[in-house]
Amino acid sequence: MTYAADLLYEEVAYLAYHFHWPLDQLLDLEHPERRRYIAQIARLTGHEYE
């Protein structure tokens, strides 16, 4: 598996954990949009996401 695939799995898992969205909906998001949601979740929960 490549770094990009590993990162995709990590991002999708993070969003799925917090939003409970279906996999196909998460995979349809463009990378910048996924990162924006991740950043917002991190701010709301007080956690850091790298």
Protein backbone atom coordinates (compact mmCIF):
# COMPACT_ATOMS: atom_id res chain seq x y z
CA MET A 1 0.00 0.00 0.00
CA THR A 2 1.28 3.48 -0.77
CA TYR A 3 1.45 6.45 1.55
CA ALA A 4 -1.48 8.04 -0.28
CA ALA A 5 -3.65 4.96 0.24
CA ASP A 6 -2.65 4.78 3.92
CA LEU A 7 -3.55 8.44 4.35
CA LEU A 8 -6.88 7.95 2.59
CA TYR A 9 -7.79 5.07 4.92
CA GLU A 10 -6.80 7.16 7.94
CA GLU A 11 -8.84 10.18 6.85
CA VAL A 12 -11.89 8.09 5.96
CA ALA A 13 -11.73 6.20 9.26
CA TYR A 14 -11.49 9.47 11.21
CA LEU A 15 -14.48 10.98 9.42
CA ALA A 16 -16.51 7.77 9.64
CA TYR A 17 -15.85 7.55 13.37
CA HIS A 18 -17.09 11.09 13.97
CA PHE A 19 -19.77 11.55 11.30
CA HIS A 20 -21.03 7.99 10.71
CA TRP A 21 -21.34 8.71 7.01
CA PRO A 22 -21.42 5.81 4.52
CA LEU A 23 -18.13 4.83 2.90
CA ASP A 24 -19.16 5.85 -0.61
CA GLN A 25 -20.05 9.34 0.58
CA LEU A 26 -16.67 9.72 2.33
CA LEU A 27 -14.77 8.46 -0.71
CA ASP A 28 -16.60 10.93 -2.94
CA LEU A 29 -15.08 13.84 -1.01
CA GLU A 30 -12.07 15.53 -2.59
CA HIS A 31 -8.93 15.52 -0.45
CA PRO A 32 -9.11 19.25 0.48
CA GLU A 33 -12.73 18.83 1.54
CA ARG A 34 -11.87 15.79 3.69
CA ARG A 35 -9.02 17.74 5.32
CA ARG A 36 -11.34 20.66 6.04
CA TYR A 37 -13.84 18.41 7.80
CA ILE A 38 -11.03 16.75 9.73
CA ALA A 39 -9.69 20.12 10.85
CA GLN A 40 -13.15 21.19 11.98
CA ILE A 41 -13.68 17.98 13.96
CA ALA A 42 -10.28 18.44 15.60
CA ARG A 43 -11.19 22.00 16.63
CA LEU A 44 -14.57 20.94 18.00
CA THR A 45 -13.17 18.01 19.98
CA GLY A 46 -10.03 19.78 21.15
CA HIS A 47 -7.82 17.12 19.56
CA GLU A 48 -4.98 17.50 17.14
CA TYR A 49 -4.96 15.63 13.86
CA GLU A 50 -1.79 15.38 11.85
